[in-house]
Protein backbone atom coordinates (compact mmCIF):
# COMPACT_ATOMS: atom_id res chain seq x y z
CA MET A 1 -21.92 -106.47 36.66
CA VAL A 2 -23.24 -108.91 39.22
CA GLY A 3 -22.56 -112.63 39.45
CA PRO A 4 -20.95 -115.42 41.47
CA PRO A 5 -17.14 -115.54 41.78
CA GLY A 6 -15.30 -116.86 38.76
CA THR A 7 -17.99 -116.19 36.14
CA GLY A 8 -15.85 -113.72 34.19
CA LYS A 9 -16.95 -110.23 35.30
CA THR A 10 -13.44 -108.82 35.13
CA LEU A 11 -12.80 -110.59 31.82
CA MET A 12 -15.99 -109.02 30.46
CA ALA A 13 -14.73 -105.58 31.47
CA ARG A 14 -11.42 -106.23 29.71
CA ALA A 15 -13.34 -107.31 26.61
CA VAL A 16 -15.32 -104.06 26.71
CA ALA A 17 -12.08 -102.12 26.92
CA GLY A 18 -10.68 -103.94 23.90
CA GLU A 19 -13.81 -103.43 21.83
CA ALA A 20 -14.27 -99.77 22.78
CA GLY A 21 -10.75 -98.68 21.85
CA VAL A 22 -10.72 -95.87 24.43
CA PRO A 23 -8.64 -95.26 27.58
CA PHE A 24 -9.60 -97.81 30.21
CA LEU A 25 -8.95 -96.97 33.87
CA ALA A 26 -9.23 -100.13 35.96
CA LEU A 27 -8.94 -100.22 39.75
CA THR A 28 -10.11 -102.36 42.65
CA GLY A 29 -12.35 -101.09 45.40
CA SER A 30 -9.76 -101.85 48.07
CA SER A 31 -7.24 -99.48 46.43
CA PHE A 32 -9.31 -96.52 47.65
CA VAL A 33 -9.37 -97.60 51.28
CA GLU A 34 -6.54 -96.20 53.39
CA LEU A 35 -5.77 -95.72 57.06
CA PHE A 36 -6.02 -91.93 56.99
CA VAL A 37 -9.38 -90.30 56.48
CA GLY A 38 -9.67 -88.37 53.24
CA VAL A 39 -7.03 -90.23 51.21
CA GLY A 40 -9.60 -92.49 49.50
CA ALA A 41 -11.86 -89.55 48.65
CA SER A 42 -8.86 -87.73 47.16
CA ARG A 43 -8.06 -90.74 44.99
CA VAL A 44 -11.65 -90.83 43.73
CA ARG A 45 -11.43 -87.14 42.74
CA ASP A 46 -8.13 -87.71 40.95
CA LEU A 47 -9.51 -90.75 39.13
CA PHE A 48 -12.52 -88.92 37.74
CA ALA A 49 -10.47 -85.85 36.88
CA ASP A 50 -8.07 -88.03 34.89
CA ALA A 51 -10.98 -89.79 33.16
CA ARG A 52 -12.54 -86.45 32.12
CA LYS A 53 -9.24 -85.22 30.69
CA ARG A 54 -8.89 -88.40 28.60
CA ALA A 55 -12.55 -88.57 27.58
CA PRO A 56 -14.05 -90.55 25.99
CA SER A 57 -12.90 -93.13 28.54
CA ILE A 58 -14.11 -95.98 30.73
CA ILE A 59 -13.65 -96.34 34.50
CA PHE A 60 -13.89 -99.86 35.86
CA ILE A 61 -14.00 -100.52 39.62
CA ASP A 62 -13.60 -104.19 40.51
CA GLU A 63 -14.97 -105.51 43.83
CA ILE A 64 -16.84 -102.28 44.44
CA ASP A 65 -18.38 -103.71 47.60
CA ALA A 66 -15.07 -102.82 49.33
CA ILE A 67 -16.09 -99.13 49.29
CA GLY A 68 -19.77 -99.25 48.33
CA GLN A 69 -21.25 -100.91 51.43
CA ARG A 70 -24.31 -99.42 53.08
CA ARG A 71 -23.65 -96.38 55.22
CA GLY A 72 -24.75 -96.13 58.83
CA GLY A 73 -23.75 -99.66 59.78
CA SER A 74 -20.78 -98.60 61.91
CA ILE A 75 -20.60 -96.71 65.17
CA VAL A 76 -18.39 -93.97 63.68
CA SER A 77 -20.18 -92.20 60.85
CA ASN A 78 -17.19 -90.24 59.57
CA ASP A 79 -14.78 -93.06 58.83
CA GLU A 80 -12.62 -93.33 55.76
CA ARG A 81 -14.83 -95.83 53.95
CA GLU A 82 -17.94 -93.63 54.15
CA GLN A 83 -16.09 -90.49 53.00
CA THR A 84 -14.74 -92.42 50.03
CA LEU A 85 -18.25 -93.62 49.14
CA ASN A 86 -19.66 -90.10 49.56
CA GLN A 87 -17.06 -88.73 47.17
CA LEU A 88 -17.83 -91.47 44.64
CA LEU A 89 -21.55 -90.62 44.86
CA ALA A 90 -20.78 -86.92 44.36
CA GLU A 91 -18.58 -87.58 41.34
CA MET A 92 -21.23 -89.76 39.69
CA ASP A 93 -24.12 -87.37 40.46
CA GLY A 94 -25.53 -85.59 37.44
CA PHE A 95 -22.94 -86.62 34.89
CA ASP A 96 -22.93 -84.34 31.88
CA PRO A 97 -23.88 -86.57 28.90
CA THR A 98 -21.24 -84.85 26.76
CA THR A 99 -18.30 -85.75 29.00
CA GLY A 100 -17.99 -89.22 27.51
CA VAL A 101 -17.05 -91.02 30.72
CA VAL A 102 -18.64 -94.42 31.37
CA VAL A 103 -18.35 -95.98 34.82
CA MET A 104 -18.48 -99.78 35.21
CA ALA A 105 -18.18 -101.90 38.33
CA ALA A 106 -18.29 -105.55 39.36
CA THR A 107 -19.27 -107.34 42.55
CA ASN A 108 -20.51 -110.69 43.77
CA ARG A 109 -22.23 -109.11 46.78
CA PRO A 110 -24.87 -106.71 45.42
CA GLU A 111 -26.99 -107.01 48.55
CA VAL A 112 -24.46 -105.03 50.63
CA LEU A 113 -24.24 -102.02 48.28
CA ASP A 114 -25.61 -98.67 49.34
CA PRO A 115 -28.98 -97.88 47.67
CA ALA A 116 -27.73 -94.43 46.66
CA LEU A 117 -25.06 -96.10 44.53
CA LEU A 118 -27.67 -98.04 42.56
CA ARG A 119 -30.17 -95.29 41.87
CA PRO A 120 -30.87 -94.10 38.30
CA GLY A 121 -28.12 -91.79 37.10
CA ARG A 122 -25.37 -93.70 38.85
CA PHE A 123 -25.11 -97.48 38.51
CA ASP A 124 -28.55 -97.67 36.96
CA ARG A 125 -28.06 -100.80 34.85
CA GLU A 126 -27.38 -104.18 36.46
CA VAL A 127 -25.95 -106.84 34.15
CA GLU A 128 -26.12 -110.31 35.65
CA ILE A 129 -23.38 -112.74 34.68
CA PRO A 130 -24.62 -116.11 35.98
CA LEU A 131 -22.94 -119.49 36.14
CA PRO A 132 -22.66 -121.04 32.67
CA ASN A 133 -25.15 -123.65 31.51
CA GLN A 134 -24.17 -126.96 29.92
CA ALA A 135 -23.68 -125.64 26.38
CA GLU A 136 -21.72 -122.65 27.67
CA ARG A 137 -19.49 -124.88 29.82
CA ALA A 138 -18.61 -126.93 26.74
CA ALA A 139 -17.65 -123.74 24.87
CA ILE A 140 -15.58 -122.49 27.83
CA LEU A 141 -13.74 -125.81 28.03
CA LYS A 142 -12.73 -125.50 24.37
CA VAL A 143 -11.11 -122.16 25.18
CA HIS A 144 -9.13 -123.47 28.14
CA VAL A 145 -7.79 -126.57 26.35
CA ALA A 146 -6.01 -124.45 23.76
CA GLY A 147 -2.37 -125.51 23.62
CA LYS A 148 -3.00 -128.83 25.40
CA HIS A 149 -2.89 -132.24 23.72
CA LEU A 150 -6.18 -134.09 24.16
CA ALA A 151 -6.91 -137.73 23.48
CA PRO A 152 -9.76 -138.58 21.08
CA ASP A 153 -11.85 -139.97 23.97
CA VAL A 154 -12.34 -136.50 25.53
CA ASP A 155 -15.91 -135.37 24.90
CA PHE A 156 -16.59 -131.78 25.91
CA ASP A 157 -20.34 -132.39 26.14
CA ASP A 158 -19.76 -135.22 28.62
CA VAL A 159 -17.38 -133.09 30.69
CA ALA A 160 -19.87 -130.21 30.66
CA ARG A 161 -22.66 -132.52 31.82
CA ALA A 162 -20.44 -133.78 34.64
CA THR A 163 -19.66 -130.27 35.93
CA PRO A 164 -22.98 -128.62 36.91
CA GLY A 165 -22.47 -125.47 38.94
CA PHE A 166 -18.87 -124.95 37.76
CA SER A 167 -17.87 -121.39 36.93
CA GLY A 168 -15.44 -120.43 34.18
CA ALA A 169 -12.62 -120.26 36.72
CA ASP A 170 -13.55 -123.72 38.03
CA LEU A 171 -13.41 -125.13 34.50
CA ALA A 172 -9.97 -123.58 33.92
CA ASN A 173 -8.79 -125.13 37.18
CA LEU A 174 -10.28 -128.49 36.12
CA ILE A 175 -8.28 -128.53 32.87
CA ASN A 176 -5.09 -127.52 34.68
CA GLU A 177 -5.57 -130.29 37.25
CA ALA A 178 -6.16 -132.80 34.44
CA ALA A 179 -2.92 -131.70 32.77
CA ILE A 180 -1.08 -132.14 36.09
CA VAL A 181 -2.51 -135.66 36.42
CA ALA A 182 -1.25 -136.49 32.92
CA VAL A 183 2.22 -135.07 33.62
CA ARG A 184 2.52 -137.07 36.85
CA ASP A 185 1.75 -140.16 34.79
CA ASP A 186 4.61 -139.18 32.42
CA ARG A 187 2.27 -138.36 29.53
CA ASP A 188 1.84 -135.27 27.36
CA VAL A 189 -1.70 -136.23 26.29
CA VAL A 190 -4.76 -135.65 28.49
CA PHE A 191 -7.26 -138.52 28.51
CA ALA A 192 -10.87 -138.52 29.65
CA ARG A 193 -9.90 -140.44 32.79
CA ASP A 194 -7.49 -137.62 33.70
CA ILE A 195 -10.35 -135.12 33.61
CA ASP A 196 -12.50 -137.46 35.73
CA GLU A 197 -9.73 -137.77 38.31
CA ALA A 198 -9.19 -134.01 38.27
CA ARG A 199 -12.92 -133.45 38.84
CA ASP A 200 -12.86 -135.76 41.86
CA ARG A 201 -9.83 -133.92 43.21
CA VAL A 202 -11.51 -130.52 42.77
CA LEU A 203 -14.78 -131.64 44.38
CA LEU A 204 -13.55 -134.06 47.05
CA GLY A 205 -9.87 -133.40 47.65
CA ARG A 206 -6.67 -135.28 47.00
CA ARG A 207 -6.71 -139.07 47.18
CA ASP A 208 -3.93 -140.12 49.54
CA ALA A 209 -2.55 -143.62 50.10
CA SER A 210 -2.42 -142.90 53.83
CA ASN A 211 -6.23 -142.85 53.87
CA ALA A 212 -6.40 -146.61 53.46
CA LEU A 213 -9.42 -148.14 55.20
CA LEU A 214 -9.48 -151.10 57.53
CA PRO A 215 -11.13 -154.23 56.04
CA GLU A 216 -14.30 -153.83 58.11
CA GLU A 217 -14.43 -150.10 57.23
CA LYS A 218 -14.03 -150.90 53.56
CA HIS A 219 -16.95 -153.33 53.77
CA SER A 220 -19.10 -150.74 55.56
CA VAL A 221 -18.32 -148.10 52.94
CA ALA A 222 -19.15 -150.58 50.15
CA VAL A 223 -22.48 -151.38 51.80
CA HIS A 224 -23.21 -147.68 52.25
CA GLU A 225 -22.38 -146.61 48.69
CA ALA A 226 -24.14 -149.63 47.19
CA GLY A 227 -27.29 -148.55 49.04
CA HIS A 228 -27.10 -145.04 47.59
CA ALA A 229 -26.48 -146.34 44.08
CA LEU A 230 -29.18 -149.00 44.06
CA VAL A 231 -31.88 -146.72 45.49
CA ALA A 232 -30.97 -144.13 42.83
CA PHE A 233 -31.13 -146.81 40.11
CA LEU A 234 -34.53 -148.06 41.29
CA SER A 235 -36.09 -144.60 41.81
CA GLU A 236 -37.97 -143.39 38.76
CA HIS A 237 -37.29 -139.67 39.17
CA ALA A 238 -33.72 -139.77 40.53
CA ASP A 239 -30.73 -138.68 38.45
CA PRO A 240 -28.79 -141.53 36.79
CA VAL A 241 -25.76 -142.96 38.60
CA ALA A 242 -22.47 -142.12 36.89
CA LYS A 243 -19.87 -143.66 39.22
CA ILE A 244 -19.56 -145.42 42.57
CA THR A 245 -16.25 -145.60 44.40
CA ILE A 246 -15.07 -146.68 47.84
CA LEU A 247 -11.64 -145.05 47.48
CA PRO A 248 -11.23 -142.31 50.12
CA ALA A 249 -10.66 -138.81 48.74
CA GLY A 250 -10.39 -135.77 50.99
CA ARG A 251 -12.91 -136.15 53.80
CA ALA A 252 -15.14 -138.53 51.83
CA LEU A 253 -14.64 -142.27 52.41
CA GLY A 254 -16.72 -143.16 49.37
CA VAL A 255 -18.79 -141.40 46.72
CA THR A 256 -21.83 -142.16 44.58
CA GLU A 257 -21.97 -139.66 41.71
CA GLN A 258 -25.27 -138.84 40.03
CA LEU A 259 -25.33 -136.71 36.88
CA PRO A 260 -28.55 -135.22 35.48
CA VAL A 261 -29.42 -135.98 31.89
CA ASP A 262 -30.55 -132.37 31.36
CA GLU A 263 -29.79 -129.26 33.36
CA ARG A 264 -32.87 -128.58 35.47
CA HIS A 265 -34.19 -125.27 36.69
CA LEU A 266 -37.32 -126.62 38.39
CA TYR A 267 -37.65 -129.73 40.55
CA SER A 268 -40.87 -131.66 40.99
CA GLU A 269 -42.05 -133.03 44.32
CA SER A 270 -41.50 -136.59 43.11
CA HIS A 271 -37.88 -135.78 42.22
CA LEU A 272 -37.30 -134.25 45.66
CA LEU A 273 -38.83 -137.26 47.42
CA ASP A 274 -36.60 -139.59 45.41
CA SER A 275 -33.61 -137.41 46.32
CA LEU A 276 -34.42 -137.85 50.00
CA ALA A 277 -34.64 -141.62 49.56
CA VAL A 278 -31.29 -141.71 47.74
CA ARG A 279 -29.59 -139.66 50.46
CA LEU A 280 -30.88 -142.06 53.11
CA GLY A 281 -30.18 -145.18 51.04
CA GLY A 282 -26.70 -145.61 52.50
CA ARG A 283 -27.95 -145.63 56.09
CA ALA A 284 -30.82 -147.98 55.17
CA SER A 285 -28.34 -150.35 53.50
CA GLU A 286 -26.13 -150.43 56.58
CA ASN A 287 -29.10 -151.26 58.81
CA LEU A 288 -30.24 -153.98 56.41
CA VAL A 289 -26.89 -155.69 55.72
CA ILE A 290 -24.79 -154.99 58.81
CA GLY A 291 -27.60 -154.61 61.32
CA GLU A 292 -26.60 -151.16 62.57
CA ALA A 293 -25.81 -147.73 61.20
CA SER A 294 -22.43 -145.96 61.42
CA THR A 295 -21.14 -142.40 61.57
CA GLY A 296 -20.61 -142.45 57.80
CA ALA A 297 -24.17 -141.21 57.24
CA ALA A 298 -23.61 -137.87 59.01
CA ASN A 299 -23.22 -135.86 55.80
CA ASP A 300 -26.20 -137.64 54.20
CA LEU A 301 -28.41 -136.87 57.18
CA SER A 302 -27.39 -133.21 57.19
CA GLY A 303 -28.12 -132.80 53.49
CA ALA A 304 -31.41 -134.69 53.68
CA THR A 305 -32.56 -132.63 56.66
CA GLN A 306 -31.77 -129.34 54.93
CA LEU A 307 -33.66 -130.49 51.83
CA ALA A 308 -36.68 -131.57 53.89
CA ILE A 309 -36.72 -128.24 55.75
CA LYS A 310 -36.81 -126.37 52.44
CA MET A 311 -39.59 -128.62 51.16
CA VAL A 312 -41.71 -127.82 54.23
CA LYS A 313 -40.82 -124.17 54.91
CA GLU A 314 -40.13 -122.67 51.50
CA TRP A 315 -41.77 -124.78 48.81
CA GLY A 316 -45.16 -125.52 50.39
CA LEU A 317 -44.84 -129.30 50.04
CA SER A 318 -46.35 -130.14 53.43
CA PRO A 319 -50.07 -131.07 53.45
CA ARG A 320 -50.34 -129.98 57.08
CA LEU A 321 -48.92 -126.49 56.58
CA GLY A 322 -50.43 -126.00 53.14
CA PRO A 323 -49.34 -123.40 50.57
CA ILE A 324 -47.31 -121.27 52.96
CA GLY A 325 -43.66 -120.35 52.39
CA TYR A 326 -41.18 -118.90 54.85
CA GLY A 327 -38.38 -118.17 52.40
CA SER A 328 -34.70 -118.06 53.25
CA ASP A 329 -34.58 -114.33 52.43
CA GLY A 330 -37.75 -113.51 54.32
CA PRO A 331 -37.99 -111.81 57.71
CA GLY A 332 -36.91 -113.82 60.68
CA TYR A 333 -35.16 -116.60 58.76
CA LEU A 334 -31.96 -116.07 60.73
CA SER A 335 -33.73 -114.78 63.81
CA GLY A 336 -34.20 -116.49 67.10
CA PRO A 337 -33.25 -116.19 70.75
CA LEU A 338 -29.62 -115.45 69.91
CA LEU A 339 -30.52 -112.40 67.82
CA GLY A 340 -33.32 -111.24 70.07
CA GLN A 341 -35.94 -111.38 67.32
CA GLU A 342 -39.07 -113.37 66.80
CA ARG A 343 -39.76 -115.91 64.09
CA PRO A 344 -42.30 -114.93 61.42
CA TYR A 345 -44.51 -117.81 62.65
CA ALA A 346 -45.82 -119.14 65.94
CA GLU A 347 -44.18 -121.72 68.15
CA GLY A 348 -46.94 -124.17 67.23
CA THR A 349 -46.03 -123.75 63.57
CA GLN A 350 -42.42 -124.59 64.41
CA GLN A 351 -43.60 -127.82 66.04
CA VAL A 352 -45.57 -128.71 62.91
CA ILE A 353 -42.49 -127.96 60.77
CA ASP A 354 -40.36 -130.25 62.94
CA GLN A 355 -42.97 -133.01 62.74
CA GLU A 356 -43.30 -132.71 58.96
CA VAL A 357 -39.53 -132.76 58.45
CA SER A 358 -39.30 -135.86 60.64
CA ARG A 359 -42.13 -137.48 58.69
CA LEU A 360 -40.50 -136.82 55.31
CA LEU A 361 -37.17 -138.26 56.47
CA SER A 362 -38.77 -141.34 58.08
CA GLU A 363 -40.86 -142.08 54.99
CA ALA A 364 -37.81 -141.65 52.74
CA GLU A 365 -35.77 -144.08 54.84
CA ASP A 366 -38.63 -146.59 54.90
CA ARG A 367 -38.95 -146.39 51.12
CA ALA A 368 -35.20 -146.85 50.68
CA ARG A 369 -35.20 -149.85 53.04
CA ALA A 370 -38.16 -151.41 51.18
CA LEU A 371 -36.44 -151.02 47.79
CA LEU A 372 -33.23 -152.58 49.08
CA SER A 373 -35.05 -155.44 50.83
CA GLN A 374 -36.95 -156.31 47.66
CA ASN A 375 -33.68 -156.34 45.70
CA ARG A 376 -31.36 -157.83 48.31
CA ASP A 377 -29.67 -160.15 45.80
CA VAL A 378 -28.83 -157.16 43.57
CA LEU A 379 -27.55 -155.21 46.58
CA ASP A 380 -25.22 -158.07 47.55
CA ALA A 381 -23.91 -158.25 43.99
CA VAL A 382 -23.17 -154.51 43.90
CA ILE A 383 -21.38 -154.73 47.27
CA ALA A 384 -19.26 -157.62 45.99
CA ALA A 385 -18.38 -155.71 42.82
CA LEU A 386 -17.31 -152.65 44.83
CA LEU A 387 -15.14 -154.73 47.15
CA GLU A 388 -13.50 -156.35 44.14
CA LYS A 389 -13.03 -153.35 41.81
CA GLU A 390 -13.33 -150.43 44.29
CA THR A 391 -14.78 -148.23 41.53
CA ILE A 392 -17.59 -149.09 39.11
CA SER A 393 -19.41 -146.97 36.55
CA GLY A 394 -23.09 -146.45 35.95
CA GLU A 395 -22.92 -148.89 33.05
CA ASP A 396 -21.39 -151.50 35.33
CA LEU A 397 -24.25 -150.99 37.78
CA THR A 398 -26.83 -151.49 35.03
CA GLU A 399 -25.05 -154.66 33.87
CA ILE A 400 -24.99 -156.07 37.42
CA VAL A 401 -28.70 -155.37 37.96
CA ASN A 402 -29.68 -156.95 34.63
CA ARG A 403 -27.46 -159.98 35.20
CA VAL A 404 -28.80 -160.70 38.69
CA ARG A 405 -32.38 -160.20 37.59
CA SER A 406 -31.90 -162.52 34.61
CA ALA A 407 -30.40 -165.17 36.87
CA GLY A 408 -33.32 -164.80 39.27
CA ASP A 409 -35.85 -165.14 36.47
CA GLY A 410 -34.06 -168.27 35.24
CA LYS A 411 -34.21 -169.87 38.70
CA ARG A 412 -37.91 -169.10 39.04
CA ALA A 413 -38.56 -170.56 35.57
CA GLY A 414 -36.64 -173.72 36.53
CA LEU A 415 -38.65 -174.16 39.71
CA GLY A 416 -41.88 -173.92 37.82
CA ALA A 417 -40.92 -176.33 35.00
CA PRO A 418 -42.66 -179.77 34.88
CA SER A 419 -40.61 -182.83 35.81
C-alpha cells in the first residue's frame, strides 16, 4: 500500500485483518534493524516460520522502506540492513500457493524500495491510497466527530471544501483542535467558528497576543491583504475569497484565504495567470497605496516564482520555449555545479527560462496594479474595513465592492443630471 502520510494505510491493514478472520502478524520495518549483523535476518526467518505454522495468516510490515531500500547505496555491502532485505527476498521467493500466507506492506516512499522487492511474485500488486477528495473528507469528518457535541451550524460539506489536501489524520487533528477551542471557551458544544479557528491554527500556527502589530505595521498588513483579496475578487478565473484577516498567526502577519468551488485536477493557463496576479496583488497594493513595498511580500514572491518556473519549465506555457517540458522528476532537475552534473538543457535555454519567468511575474504585477488602480475606491474601502474589524469574510468583501460601486454609479448619475 502506497500513499502520503496519514491517509490510513495502517488502518486499512487492520481492517483487512478484521475482515479476514485469520492470524495477523503486524510489525514495523524498523523492528528488524539491529546493531549486530544477522539479527534482523534471523527475525525475518522466525516471522515467516511462525506465519507458515499458523497458516492461513497475514503478515503486515509497516514502513517497509526502513529495510527495503535499494541495495548498493552504501560503502559497506554486507551491513545489517542489506542482509535483512536479502533474507526477506529469499523468504518471499517462490511462495507455494498452498501455504496460505499473504504478505502486505505499507510505505509513503515507494521510490526508495529495491526493485527486487517489487517484482512479480513478491510485492507484485501496488494499491495506492491517495489523499481523500471532498466527498471522502466529509465522510471521514463524520467518523471523527462521533461522541462530540456539534452545533447545528456545522456543515461537513463546507468543512470538507475548506480543507483541500488534508489527510484523514489531519482531519482527526482538526476536530480535536476544534474541541480544544470549545473547551477553552468553557463550552461542550463545537460551533462552526471553532472549526474555522482550529483550521487556522493547524495551517498557520497559534495566534498569540504577544504578536500584536504596531499601528503602521497593521496598516501595511491591511493594505497588503486587501490587495490580494481585491485582485482575487476581480480576476475571472481565480478561486473565490473566503476570509481576509490581519490578525497574526504563527509566522503569518495576515492571511487571505481562497477556497475552490470544486476540487480541481487540471489547471488552465488563465487560472495560473490569475493565480500569479493574486500572489503579487499584495505587493502591488503596497506600492500603490503606501508608495513602497515591504518585506511582507517575501512568501508571495517565493510562491509566485516557483509557480512561474513550473509554467515555463514543466507545463510548456512559454511561447519562446514552446512545447518543451523539463519535469521535476526528469534527469538533471536537481543537478548543477554542486552535484557535478549537467543540466538537461543548454546555458542559453536557462537564460530564456529566466527571462520568461521574469516576464510572467512582471506582467502579473502590472495586471494586479492596473486592477487595483481602476478600483482604488474599493481598495480603500476594503482597507478601512480590515482596520476596523480585523477579519472579514468573502461575503463581506462582496458587500463592500457592491456598495462602493453603487455609490460611484449614483455620483456619476448625479453629475450627469440636468439642472
